[in-house]
């Protein structure tokens, strides 16, 4: 019972805040413009600031783990590659492959992932290192799959790929992680006033992001293309954690490292996958359905995985 309560305390508050966002939207307290502006603010300002604040005080000699970073990189490569191969074999309509691949593999590691870890441990912990290793590959694989299997938009596939790779390099989350690592490596101090201000801005990111996700939630997308959507959700929330979490445990990862791995593998599909699918002429209905179903089901699956990890002694 203690382990179950621990698991529920880790996950349910996150989803309750999302539900509040949905109810605020339905009650006309929030609107579509709020969702758009809040998502942009979180992505470009609040979340990068929070990651920078967490990383800049990290003792790299003690906490930076090349085995952990390498594991996240290799596992990300494998899960995308294997899912892509399986989708190529399974789908006769190849246009669905790109949206299926990113929907089955590209989790909300930055926003929802950070929220879970902060709720459990009080800080982002090892999650920034996971983001550093995995999120660029999330984007590269997703773009490649959509470029190869999307509809013709009049823009060359190479131009689309180059544009997205440039956007990855300009990604504020990646940039903030790199700057935070530089500050940590050289032990660069900040004036207390600046440090306190940044911490206040960073503290906005988690609640604001969760409210915006709830406010932007739609049930309509879940009604279309439900069979491949369910298959992608099963891969995302159950199959990938089921395959790779035991390997992470065997390699000795525990506590914050294990939770970061769980978020990388089993967090619900990021809503930006729908936006990317629409922008790159992928199968938007499939992407939207995956996002909706995965977000709903993850309340159960993440609680279950945390319960299993806690029961096995992999979480302190």
C-alpha atoms as a PDB file:
ATOM      1  CA  UNK A   1       0.000   0.000   0.000  1.00  0.00           C
ATOM      2  CA  UNK A   2       2.869   2.376   0.796  1.00  0.00           C
ATOM      3  CA  UNK A   3       4.365   1.887  -2.675  1.00  0.00           C
ATOM      4  CA  UNK A   4       0.979   2.503  -4.321  1.00  0.00           C
ATOM      5  CA  UNK A   5       0.497   5.733  -2.372  1.00  0.00           C
ATOM      6  CA  UNK A   6       4.022   6.807  -3.362  1.00  0.00           C
ATOM      7  CA  UNK A   7       3.187   6.158  -7.034  1.00  0.00           C
ATOM      8  CA  UNK A   8      -0.132   7.998  -6.884  1.00  0.00           C
ATOM      9  CA  UNK A   9       1.476  10.979  -5.154  1.00  0.00           C
ATOM     10  CA  UNK A  10       4.028  11.129  -7.973  1.00  0.00           C
ATOM     11  CA  UNK A  11       1.564  11.109 -10.851  1.00  0.00           C
ATOM     12  CA  UNK A  12      -1.963  12.132  -9.875  1.00  0.00           C
ATOM     13  CA  UNK A  13      -1.152  15.783  -8.922  1.00  0.00           C
ATOM     14  CA  UNK A  14       0.371  16.253 -12.392  1.00  0.00           C
ATOM     15  CA  UNK A  15      -2.773  15.078 -14.132  1.00  0.00           C
ATOM     16  CA  UNK A  16      -5.072  16.946 -11.734  1.00  0.00           C
ATOM     17  CA  UNK A  17      -3.400  20.225 -12.721  1.00  0.00           C
ATOM     18  CA  UNK A  18      -3.934  19.282 -16.379  1.00  0.00           C
ATOM     19  CA  UNK A  19      -7.603  18.558 -15.611  1.00  0.00           C
ATOM     20  CA  UNK A  20      -7.867  21.989 -13.988  1.00  0.00           C
ATOM     21  CA  UNK A  21      -6.497  23.533 -17.167  1.00  0.00           C
ATOM     22  CA  UNK A  22      -9.130  21.678 -19.192  1.00  0.00           C
ATOM     23  CA  UNK A  23     -11.913  22.809 -16.833  1.00  0.00           C
ATOM     24  CA  UNK A  24     -10.665  26.416 -16.860  1.00  0.00           C
ATOM     25  CA  UNK A  25     -10.769  26.323 -20.664  1.00  0.00           C
ATOM     26  CA  UNK A  26     -14.276  24.867 -20.750  1.00  0.00           C
ATOM     27  CA  UNK A  27     -15.346  27.476 -18.195  1.00  0.00           C
ATOM     28  CA  UNK A  28     -14.081  30.255 -20.519  1.00  0.00           C
ATOM     29  CA  UNK A  29     -11.438  31.385 -18.033  1.00  0.00           C
ATOM     30  CA  UNK A  30      -8.769  30.439 -20.605  1.00  0.00           C
ATOM     31  CA  UNK A  31      -8.825  30.557 -24.389  1.00  0.00           C
ATOM     32  CA  UNK A  32      -6.841  29.355 -27.396  1.00  0.00           C
ATOM     33  CA  UNK A  33      -4.663  32.451 -27.356  1.00  0.00           C
ATOM     34  CA  UNK A  34      -3.655  31.702 -23.750  1.00  0.00           C
ATOM     35  CA  UNK A  35      -2.692  28.153 -24.714  1.00  0.00           C
ATOM     36  CA  UNK A  36      -0.589  29.367 -27.626  1.00  0.00           C
ATOM     37  CA  UNK A  37       1.160  32.123 -25.645  1.00  0.00           C
ATOM     38  CA  UNK A  38       1.688  29.941 -22.559  1.00  0.00           C
ATOM     39  CA  UNK A  39       3.220  27.096 -24.567  1.00  0.00           C
ATOM     40  CA  UNK A  40       5.535  29.548 -26.325  1.00  0.00           C
ATOM     41  CA  UNK A  41       6.563  31.199 -23.037  1.00  0.00           C
ATOM     42  CA  UNK A  42       7.239  27.870 -21.323  1.00  0.00           C
ATOM     43  CA  UNK A  43       9.245  26.524 -24.262  1.00  0.00           C
ATOM     44  CA  UNK A  44      11.287  29.652 -24.946  1.00  0.00           C
ATOM     45  CA  UNK A  45      11.719  31.145 -21.457  1.00  0.00           C
ATOM     46  CA  UNK A  46      10.512  29.418 -18.290  1.00  0.00           C
ATOM     47  CA  UNK A  47      11.616  25.845 -18.965  1.00  0.00           C
ATOM     48  CA  UNK A  48      15.088  26.785 -20.315  1.00  0.00           C
ATOM     49  CA  UNK A  49      15.607  29.030 -17.272  1.00  0.00           C
ATOM     50  CA  UNK A  50      14.644  26.219 -14.889  1.00  0.00           C
ATOM     51  CA  UNK A  51      16.985  23.756 -16.610  1.00  0.00           C
ATOM     52  CA  UNK A  52      19.814  26.282 -16.513  1.00  0.00           C
ATOM     53  CA  UNK A  53      19.256  26.902 -12.787  1.00  0.00           C
ATOM     54  CA  UNK A  54      19.288  23.178 -12.015  1.00  0.00           C
ATOM     55  CA  UNK A  55      22.369  22.460 -14.115  1.00  0.00           C
ATOM     56  CA  UNK A  56      24.571  25.415 -13.233  1.00  0.00           C
ATOM     57  CA  UNK A  57      24.870  24.262  -9.598  1.00  0.00           C
ATOM     58  CA  UNK A  58      25.510  20.611 -10.492  1.00  0.00           C
ATOM     59  CA  UNK A  59      28.775  19.067  -9.381  1.00  0.00           C
ATOM     60  CA  UNK A  60      29.820  17.616 -12.736  1.00  0.00           C
ATOM     61  CA  UNK A  61      32.630  15.549 -11.268  1.00  0.00           C
ATOM     62  CA  UNK A  62      30.129  13.788  -9.027  1.00  0.00           C
ATOM     63  CA  UNK A  63      26.873  13.873 -11.013  1.00  0.00           C
ATOM     64  CA  UNK A  64      27.687  13.941 -14.738  1.00  0.00           C
ATOM     65  CA  UNK A  65      27.453  10.365 -15.919  1.00  0.00           C
ATOM     66  CA  UNK A  66      28.764   9.392 -19.334  1.00  0.00           C
ATOM     67  CA  UNK A  67      27.270   5.877 -19.018  1.00  0.00           C
ATOM     68  CA  UNK A  68      23.863   7.453 -18.369  1.00  0.00           C
ATOM     69  CA  UNK A  69      24.155   9.903 -21.282  1.00  0.00           C
ATOM     70  CA  UNK A  70      25.411   7.116 -23.558  1.00  0.00           C
ATOM     71  CA  UNK A  71      22.575   4.810 -22.505  1.00  0.00           C
ATOM     72  CA  UNK A  72      19.942   7.479 -23.286  1.00  0.00           C
ATOM     73  CA  UNK A  73      21.520   8.159 -26.689  1.00  0.00           C
ATOM     74  CA  UNK A  74      21.782   4.513 -27.723  1.00  0.00           C
ATOM     75  CA  UNK A  75      18.303   3.572 -26.470  1.00  0.00           C
ATOM     76  CA  UNK A  76      16.752   6.544 -28.280  1.00  0.00           C
ATOM     77  CA  UNK A  77      18.451   5.478 -31.508  1.00  0.00           C
ATOM     78  CA  UNK A  78      17.339   1.861 -31.098  1.00  0.00           C
ATOM     79  CA  UNK A  79      13.697   2.581 -30.238  1.00  0.00           C
ATOM     80  CA  UNK A  80      13.248   4.883 -33.232  1.00  0.00           C
ATOM     81  CA  UNK A  81      15.088   2.568 -35.622  1.00  0.00           C
ATOM     82  CA  UNK A  82      13.219  -0.579 -34.548  1.00  0.00           C
ATOM     83  CA  UNK A  83       9.826   1.163 -34.560  1.00  0.00           C
ATOM     84  CA  UNK A  84      10.506   2.609 -38.018  1.00  0.00           C
ATOM     85  CA  UNK A  85      11.463  -0.796 -39.409  1.00  0.00           C
ATOM     86  CA  UNK A  86       8.331  -2.349 -37.897  1.00  0.00           C
ATOM     87  CA  UNK A  87       6.112   0.405 -39.315  1.00  0.00           C
ATOM     88  CA  UNK A  88       7.614  -0.005 -42.787  1.00  0.00           C
ATOM     89  CA  UNK A  89       6.736  -3.689 -42.662  1.00  0.00           C
ATOM     90  CA  UNK A  90       3.272  -3.227 -41.138  1.00  0.00           C
ATOM     91  CA  UNK A  91       1.754  -0.346 -43.111  1.00  0.00           C
ATOM     92  CA  UNK A  92       0.684  -0.607 -46.715  1.00  0.00           C
ATOM     93  CA  UNK A  93      -0.102   3.115 -46.661  1.00  0.00           C
ATOM     94  CA  UNK A  94       3.438   4.436 -46.275  1.00  0.00           C
ATOM     95  CA  UNK A  95       2.160   7.948 -45.686  1.00  0.00           C
ATOM     96  CA  UNK A  96       1.212   6.869 -42.150  1.00  0.00           C
ATOM     97  CA  UNK A  97       4.706   5.682 -41.275  1.00  0.00           C
ATOM     98  CA  UNK A  98       6.212   9.052 -40.345  1.00  0.00           C
ATOM     99  CA  UNK A  99       3.388  10.087 -38.003  1.00  0.00           C
ATOM    100  CA  UNK A 100       3.287   6.606 -36.470  1.00  0.00           C
ATOM    101  CA  UNK A 101       7.030   6.522 -35.769  1.00  0.00           C
ATOM    102  CA  UNK A 102       7.205   9.888 -34.034  1.00  0.00           C
ATOM    103  CA  UNK A 103       3.948   9.220 -32.170  1.00  0.00           C
ATOM    104  CA  UNK A 104       5.231   5.887 -30.841  1.00  0.00           C
ATOM    105  CA  UNK A 105       8.648   7.201 -29.770  1.00  0.00           C
ATOM    106  CA  UNK A 106       8.654  10.957 -29.244  1.00  0.00           C
ATOM    107  CA  UNK A 107       7.602  11.574 -25.671  1.00  0.00           C
ATOM    108  CA  UNK A 108       7.020  14.814 -23.799  1.00  0.00           C
ATOM    109  CA  UNK A 109      10.371  14.475 -22.066  1.00  0.00           C
ATOM    110  CA  UNK A 110      10.963  18.169 -21.460  1.00  0.00           C
ATOM    111  CA  UNK A 111       7.651  19.475 -20.153  1.00  0.00           C
ATOM    112  CA  UNK A 112       5.756  16.538 -18.632  1.00  0.00           C
ATOM    113  CA  UNK A 113       8.998  14.733 -17.827  1.00  0.00           C
ATOM    114  CA  UNK A 114      10.392  17.651 -15.872  1.00  0.00           C
ATOM    115  CA  UNK A 115       7.065  18.015 -14.070  1.00  0.00           C
ATOM    116  CA  UNK A 116       7.144  14.413 -12.833  1.00  0.00           C
ATOM    117  CA  UNK A 117      10.738  14.567 -11.654  1.00  0.00           C
ATOM    118  CA  UNK A 118      10.290  17.930  -9.908  1.00  0.00           C
ATOM    119  CA  UNK A 119       7.136  16.633  -8.204  1.00  0.00           C
ATOM    120  CA  UNK A 120       9.002  13.566  -6.919  1.00  0.00           C
ATOM    121  CA  UNK A 121      12.455  14.948  -6.095  1.00  0.00           C
ATOM    122  CA  UNK A 122      12.111  18.735  -5.921  1.00  0.00           C
ATOM    123  CA  UNK A 123      14.493  19.411  -8.826  1.00  0.00           C
ATOM    124  CA  UNK A 124      15.062  18.280 -12.396  1.00  0.00           C
ATOM    125  CA  UNK A 125      17.814  15.908 -11.257  1.00  0.00           C
ATOM    126  CA  UNK A 126      19.283  13.856 -14.111  1.00  0.00           C
ATOM    127  CA  UNK A 127      16.507  14.778 -16.538  1.00  0.00           C
ATOM    128  CA  UNK A 128      18.498  17.579 -18.250  1.00  0.00           C
ATOM    129  CA  UNK A 129      21.221  15.061 -19.113  1.00  0.00           C
ATOM    130  CA  UNK A 130      18.573  12.738 -20.571  1.00  0.00           C
ATOM    131  CA  UNK A 131      17.154  15.641 -22.596  1.00  0.00           C
ATOM    132  CA  UNK A 132      20.662  16.537 -23.770  1.00  0.00           C
ATOM    133  CA  UNK A 133      21.241  12.977 -25.000  1.00  0.00           C
ATOM    134  CA  UNK A 134      17.796  12.048 -26.325  1.00  0.00           C
ATOM    135  CA  UNK A 135      15.768  15.075 -27.452  1.00  0.00           C
ATOM    136  CA  UNK A 136      17.982  16.045 -30.439  1.00  0.00           C
ATOM    137  CA  UNK A 137      17.582  12.473 -31.721  1.00  0.00           C
ATOM    138  CA  UNK A 138      13.825  12.686 -31.084  1.00  0.00           C
ATOM    139  CA  UNK A 139      13.715  15.609 -33.484  1.00  0.00           C
ATOM    140  CA  UNK A 140      16.101  14.248 -36.102  1.00  0.00           C
ATOM    141  CA  UNK A 141      14.337  10.891 -36.401  1.00  0.00           C
ATOM    142  CA  UNK A 142      10.877  12.488 -36.429  1.00  0.00           C
ATOM    143  CA  UNK A 143      11.849  14.930 -39.147  1.00  0.00           C
ATOM    144  CA  UNK A 144      13.520  12.236 -41.225  1.00  0.00           C
ATOM    145  CA  UNK A 145      10.472   9.947 -41.020  1.00  0.00           C
ATOM    146  CA  UNK A 146       8.073  12.745 -41.923  1.00  0.00           C
ATOM    147  CA  UNK A 147      10.301  13.976 -44.756  1.00  0.00           C
ATOM    148  CA  UNK A 148      10.447  10.530 -46.332  1.00  0.00           C
ATOM    149  CA  UNK A 149       6.766   9.659 -45.888  1.00  0.00           C
ATOM    150  CA  UNK A 150       4.958  13.025 -45.884  1.00  0.00           C
ATOM    151  CA  UNK A 151       2.916  14.500 -48.691  1.00  0.00           C
ATOM    152  CA  UNK A 152       4.580  16.736 -51.245  1.00  0.00           C
ATOM    153  CA  UNK A 153       4.567  20.314 -49.899  1.00  0.00           C
ATOM    154  CA  UNK A 154       6.502  21.925 -52.729  1.00  0.00           C
ATOM    155  CA  UNK A 155       9.583  22.222 -50.497  1.00  0.00           C
ATOM    156  CA  UNK A 156      12.394  19.749 -51.064  1.00  0.00           C
ATOM    157  CA  UNK A 157      12.956  17.069 -48.443  1.00  0.00           C
ATOM    158  CA  UNK A 158      16.540  18.248 -48.047  1.00  0.00           C
ATOM    159  CA  UNK A 159      15.390  21.821 -47.398  1.00  0.00           C
ATOM    160  CA  UNK A 160      12.912  20.606 -44.768  1.00  0.00           C
ATOM    161  CA  UNK A 161      15.597  18.529 -43.072  1.00  0.00           C
ATOM    162  CA  UNK A 162      18.141  21.373 -43.097  1.00  0.00           C
ATOM    163  CA  UNK A 163      15.576  23.801 -41.675  1.00  0.00           C
ATOM    164  CA  UNK A 164      14.660  21.454 -38.843  1.00  0.00           C
ATOM    165  CA  UNK A 165      18.284  20.647 -37.997  1.00  0.00           C
ATOM    166  CA  UNK A 166      18.903  24.393 -37.756  1.00  0.00           C
ATOM    167  CA  UNK A 167      15.888  24.704 -35.465  1.00  0.00           C
ATOM    168  CA  UNK A 168      17.341  21.948 -33.262  1.00  0.00           C
ATOM    169  CA  UNK A 169      20.581  23.912 -32.942  1.00  0.00           C
ATOM    170  CA  UNK A 170      18.544  27.016 -32.029  1.00  0.00           C
ATOM    171  CA  UNK A 171      16.319  25.092 -29.586  1.00  0.00           C
ATOM    172  CA  UNK A 172      16.249  27.158 -26.346  1.00  0.00           C
ATOM    173  CA  UNK A 173      16.093  24.019 -24.190  1.00  0.00           C
ATOM    174  CA  UNK A 174      19.248  22.575 -25.751  1.00  0.00           C
ATOM    175  CA  UNK A 175      20.980  25.965 -25.566  1.00  0.00           C
ATOM    176  CA  UNK A 176      20.083  26.405 -21.880  1.00  0.00           C
ATOM    177  CA  UNK A 177      21.425  22.937 -21.068  1.00  0.00           C
ATOM    178  CA  UNK A 178      24.732  23.700 -22.807  1.00  0.00           C
ATOM    179  CA  UNK A 179      25.062  27.060 -21.016  1.00  0.00           C
ATOM    180  CA  UNK A 180      24.196  25.443 -17.694  1.00  0.00           C
ATOM    181  CA  UNK A 181      26.893  22.810 -18.233  1.00  0.00           C
ATOM    182  CA  UNK A 182      29.439  25.554 -18.990  1.00  0.00           C
ATOM    183  CA  UNK A 183      28.512  27.400 -15.770  1.00  0.00           C
ATOM    184  CA  UNK A 184      28.756  24.164 -13.801  1.00  0.00           C
ATOM    185  CA  UNK A 185      32.091  23.150 -15.351  1.00  0.00           C
ATOM    186  CA  UNK A 186      33.778  26.503 -14.675  1.00  0.00           C
ATOM    187  CA  UNK A 187      31.848  27.028 -11.402  1.00  0.00           C
ATOM    188  CA  UNK A 188      30.698  30.491 -12.521  1.00  0.00           C
ATOM    189  CA  UNK A 189      28.831  32.245  -9.675  1.00  0.00           C
ATOM    190  CA  UNK A 190      25.789  34.479 -10.070  1.00  0.00           C
ATOM    191  CA  UNK A 191      24.773  37.412  -7.850  1.00  0.00           C
ATOM    192  CA  UNK A 192      22.083  36.356  -5.383  1.00  0.00           C
ATOM    193  CA  UNK A 193      19.569  38.811  -6.855  1.00  0.00           C
ATOM    194  CA  UNK A 194      20.038  37.333 -10.337  1.00  0.00           C
ATOM    195  CA  UNK A 195      19.933  33.777  -9.012  1.00  0.00           C
ATOM    196  CA  UNK A 196      16.704  34.387  -7.062  1.00  0.00           C
ATOM    197  CA  UNK A 197      15.083  36.070 -10.068  1.00  0.00           C
ATOM    198  CA  UNK A 198      15.953  33.191 -12.386  1.00  0.00           C
ATOM    199  CA  UNK A 199      14.671  30.646  -9.885  1.00  0.00           C
ATOM    200  CA  UNK A 200      11.336  32.478  -9.652  1.00  0.00           C
ATOM    201  CA  UNK A 201      10.987  32.527 -13.443  1.00  0.00           C
ATOM    202  CA  UNK A 202      11.931  28.862 -13.691  1.00  0.00           C
ATOM    203  CA  UNK A 203       9.391  27.913 -11.028  1.00  0.00           C
ATOM    204  CA  UNK A 204       6.607  29.093 -13.341  1.00  0.00           C
ATOM    205  CA  UNK A 205       7.371  26.494 -15.990  1.00  0.00           C
ATOM    206  CA  UNK A 206       5.819  23.337 -14.549  1.00  0.00           C
ATOM    207  CA  UNK A 207       2.384  24.593 -13.393  1.00  0.00           C
ATOM    208  CA  UNK A 208       1.958  26.865 -16.417  1.00  0.00           C
ATOM    209  CA  UNK A 209       2.888  24.095 -18.855  1.00  0.00           C
ATOM    210  CA  UNK A 210       0.479  21.615 -17.254  1.00  0.00           C
ATOM    211  CA  UNK A 211      -2.407  24.098 -17.270  1.00  0.00           C
ATOM    212  CA  UNK A 212      -1.715  24.941 -20.928  1.00  0.00           C
ATOM    213  CA  UNK A 213      -1.626  21.258 -21.896  1.00  0.00           C
ATOM    214  CA  UNK A 214      -4.961  20.668 -20.173  1.00  0.00           C
ATOM    215  CA  UNK A 215      -6.515  23.760 -21.730  1.00  0.00           C
ATOM    216  CA  UNK A 216      -5.396  22.684 -25.192  1.00  0.00           C
ATOM    217  CA  UNK A 217      -6.639  19.113 -24.817  1.00  0.00           C
ATOM    218  CA  UNK A 218      -9.211  17.834 -27.347  1.00  0.00           C
ATOM    219  CA  UNK A 219     -11.196  14.601 -27.383  1.00  0.00           C
ATOM    220  CA  UNK A 220     -12.134  14.995 -31.040  1.00  0.00           C
ATOM    221  CA  UNK A 221      -8.763  13.776 -32.343  1.00  0.00           C
ATOM    222  CA  UNK A 222      -9.062  10.454 -30.539  1.00  0.00           C
ATOM    223  CA  UNK A 223     -12.034   9.344 -32.663  1.00  0.00           C
ATOM    224  CA  UNK A 224     -10.060   8.995 -35.906  1.00  0.00           C
ATOM    225  CA  UNK A 225      -7.515   6.415 -37.039  1.00  0.00           C
ATOM    226  CA  UNK A 226      -7.882   4.659 -33.706  1.00  0.00           C
ATOM    227  CA  UNK A 227      -6.341   1.241 -34.545  1.00  0.00           C
ATOM    228  CA  UNK A 228      -2.835   2.452 -35.518  1.00  0.00           C
ATOM    229  CA  UNK A 229      -3.124   5.086 -32.797  1.00  0.00           C
ATOM    230  CA  UNK A 230      -3.692   2.396 -30.153  1.00  0.00           C
ATOM    231  CA  UNK A 231      -0.730   0.427 -31.525  1.00  0.00           C
ATOM    232  CA  UNK A 232       1.518   3.497 -31.255  1.00  0.00           C
ATOM    233  CA  UNK A 233       0.294   4.218 -27.713  1.00  0.00           C
ATOM    234  CA  UNK A 234       0.972   0.609 -26.660  1.00  0.00           C
ATOM    235  CA  UNK A 235       4.533   0.899 -27.963  1.00  0.00           C
ATOM    236  CA  UNK A 236       5.046   4.292 -26.317  1.00  0.00           C
ATOM    237  CA  UNK A 237       3.639   3.605 -22.869  1.00  0.00           C
ATOM    238  CA  UNK A 238       4.141  -0.133 -22.360  1.00  0.00           C
ATOM    239  CA  UNK A 239       6.454  -1.849 -24.854  1.00  0.00           C
ATOM    240  CA  UNK A 240       9.398   0.573 -24.766  1.00  0.00           C
ATOM    241  CA  UNK A 241       9.561   0.788 -20.932  1.00  0.00           C
ATOM    242  CA  UNK A 242       9.026  -2.980 -20.723  1.00  0.00           C
ATOM    243  CA  UNK A 243      12.033  -3.652 -22.949  1.00  0.00           C
ATOM    244  CA  UNK A 244      14.531  -1.019 -21.814  1.00  0.00           C
ATOM    245  CA  UNK A 245      13.803  -0.400 -18.102  1.00  0.00           C
ATOM    246  CA  UNK A 246      15.163  -3.844 -17.131  1.00  0.00           C
ATOM    247  CA  UNK A 247      18.352  -3.012 -19.048  1.00  0.00           C
ATOM    248  CA  UNK A 248      18.604   0.307 -17.181  1.00  0.00           C
ATOM    249  CA  UNK A 249      18.197  -1.541 -13.873  1.00  0.00           C
ATOM    250  CA  UNK A 250      20.843  -4.090 -14.884  1.00  0.00           C
ATOM    251  CA  UNK A 251      23.235  -1.206 -15.657  1.00  0.00           C
ATOM    252  CA  UNK A 252      22.765   0.075 -12.113  1.00  0.00           C
ATOM    253  CA  UNK A 253      20.602   3.152 -12.666  1.00  0.00           C
ATOM    254  CA  UNK A 254      18.494   4.119  -9.664  1.00  0.00           C
ATOM    255  CA  UNK A 255      16.269   6.919  -8.309  1.00  0.00           C
ATOM    256  CA  UNK A 256      16.539  10.110 -10.419  1.00  0.00           C
ATOM    257  CA  UNK A 257      18.392   8.307 -13.215  1.00  0.00           C
ATOM    258  CA  UNK A 258      15.719   5.611 -13.378  1.00  0.00           C
ATOM    259  CA  UNK A 259      12.888   8.139 -13.378  1.00  0.00           C
ATOM    260  CA  UNK A 260      14.603  10.097 -16.172  1.00  0.00           C
ATOM    261  CA  UNK A 261      14.853   6.882 -18.211  1.00  0.00           C
ATOM    262  CA  UNK A 262      11.185   6.115 -17.539  1.00  0.00           C
ATOM    263  CA  UNK A 263      10.218   9.595 -18.738  1.00  0.00           C
ATOM    264  CA  UNK A 264      12.324   9.188 -21.883  1.00  0.00           C
ATOM    265  CA  UNK A 265      10.635   5.866 -22.670  1.00  0.00           C
ATOM    266  CA  UNK A 266       7.133   6.042 -21.211  1.00  0.00           C
ATOM    267  CA  UNK A 267       5.986   9.663 -21.129  1.00  0.00           C
ATOM    268  CA  UNK A 268       2.966  10.437 -23.331  1.00  0.00           C
ATOM    269  CA  UNK A 269       3.544  11.588 -26.894  1.00  0.00           C
ATOM    270  CA  UNK A 270       4.396  15.278 -27.073  1.00  0.00           C
ATOM    271  CA  UNK A 271       1.661  17.547 -28.514  1.00  0.00           C
ATOM    272  CA  UNK A 272       4.263  19.140 -30.787  1.00  0.00           C
ATOM    273  CA  UNK A 273       4.308  15.913 -32.808  1.00  0.00           C
ATOM    274  CA  UNK A 274       0.843  16.842 -34.099  1.00  0.00           C
ATOM    275  CA  UNK A 275       2.037  20.332 -35.029  1.00  0.00           C
ATOM    276  CA  UNK A 276       5.079  18.930 -36.824  1.00  0.00           C
ATOM    277  CA  UNK A 277       2.995  16.344 -38.671  1.00  0.00           C
ATOM    278  CA  UNK A 278       0.651  19.074 -39.920  1.00  0.00           C
ATOM    279  CA  UNK A 279       3.497  21.378 -40.909  1.00  0.00           C
ATOM    280  CA  UNK A 280       5.369  18.629 -42.762  1.00  0.00           C
ATOM    281  CA  UNK A 281       2.303  17.134 -44.472  1.00  0.00           C
ATOM    282  CA  UNK A 282       2.221  13.955 -42.416  1.00  0.00           C
ATOM    283  CA  UNK A 283      -0.890  12.135 -41.203  1.00  0.00           C
ATOM    284  CA  UNK A 284      -2.264  14.794 -38.854  1.00  0.00           C
ATOM    285  CA  UNK A 285      -5.341  12.822 -37.758  1.00  0.00           C
ATOM    286  CA  UNK A 286      -3.151   9.912 -36.666  1.00  0.00           C
ATOM    287  CA  UNK A 287      -0.745  12.190 -34.787  1.00  0.00           C
ATOM    288  CA  UNK A 288      -3.581  13.982 -32.991  1.00  0.00           C
ATOM    289  CA  UNK A 289      -5.232  10.705 -31.980  1.00  0.00           C
ATOM    290  CA  UNK A 290      -1.970   9.333 -30.590  1.00  0.00           C
ATOM    291  CA  UNK A 291      -1.410  12.473 -28.489  1.00  0.00           C
ATOM    292  CA  UNK A 292      -4.912  12.387 -27.016  1.00  0.00           C
ATOM    293  CA  UNK A 293      -4.997   8.654 -26.237  1.00  0.00           C
ATOM    294  CA  UNK A 294      -1.428   8.562 -24.895  1.00  0.00           C
ATOM    295  CA  UNK A 295      -2.060  11.507 -22.580  1.00  0.00           C
ATOM    296  CA  UNK A 296      -5.197   9.868 -21.172  1.00  0.00           C
ATOM    297  CA  UNK A 297      -3.621   6.433 -20.719  1.00  0.00           C
ATOM    298  CA  UNK A 298      -0.335   7.685 -19.274  1.00  0.00           C
ATOM    299  CA  UNK A 299      -2.036   8.587 -15.998  1.00  0.00           C
ATOM    300  CA  UNK A 300      -2.458   4.847 -15.450  1.00  0.00           C
ATOM    301  CA  UNK A 301       0.711   3.511 -17.065  1.00  0.00           C
ATOM    302  CA  UNK A 302       3.147   5.946 -15.441  1.00  0.00           C
ATOM    303  CA  UNK A 303       1.601   5.288 -12.043  1.00  0.00           C
ATOM    304  CA  UNK A 304       1.967   1.565 -12.724  1.00  0.00           C
ATOM    305  CA  UNK A 305       5.594   1.796 -13.800  1.00  0.00           C
ATOM    306  CA  UNK A 306       6.522   3.933 -10.780  1.00  0.00           C
ATOM    307  CA  UNK A 307       4.773   1.411  -8.534  1.00  0.00           C
ATOM    308  CA  UNK A 308       6.782  -1.435 -10.110  1.00  0.00           C
ATOM    309  CA  UNK A 309      10.088   0.438  -9.825  1.00  0.00           C
ATOM    310  CA  UNK A 310       9.361   1.379  -6.202  1.00  0.00           C
ATOM    311  CA  UNK A 311       8.358  -2.177  -5.324  1.00  0.00           C
ATOM    312  CA  UNK A 312      11.601  -3.514  -6.832  1.00  0.00           C
ATOM    313  CA  UNK A 313      13.681  -1.117  -4.753  1.00  0.00           C
ATOM    314  CA  UNK A 314      14.824   0.915  -7.771  1.00  0.00           C
ATOM    315  CA  UNK A 315      13.419   4.136  -6.322  1.00  0.00           C
ATOM    316  CA  UNK A 316      14.457   5.363  -2.914  1.00  0.00           C
END
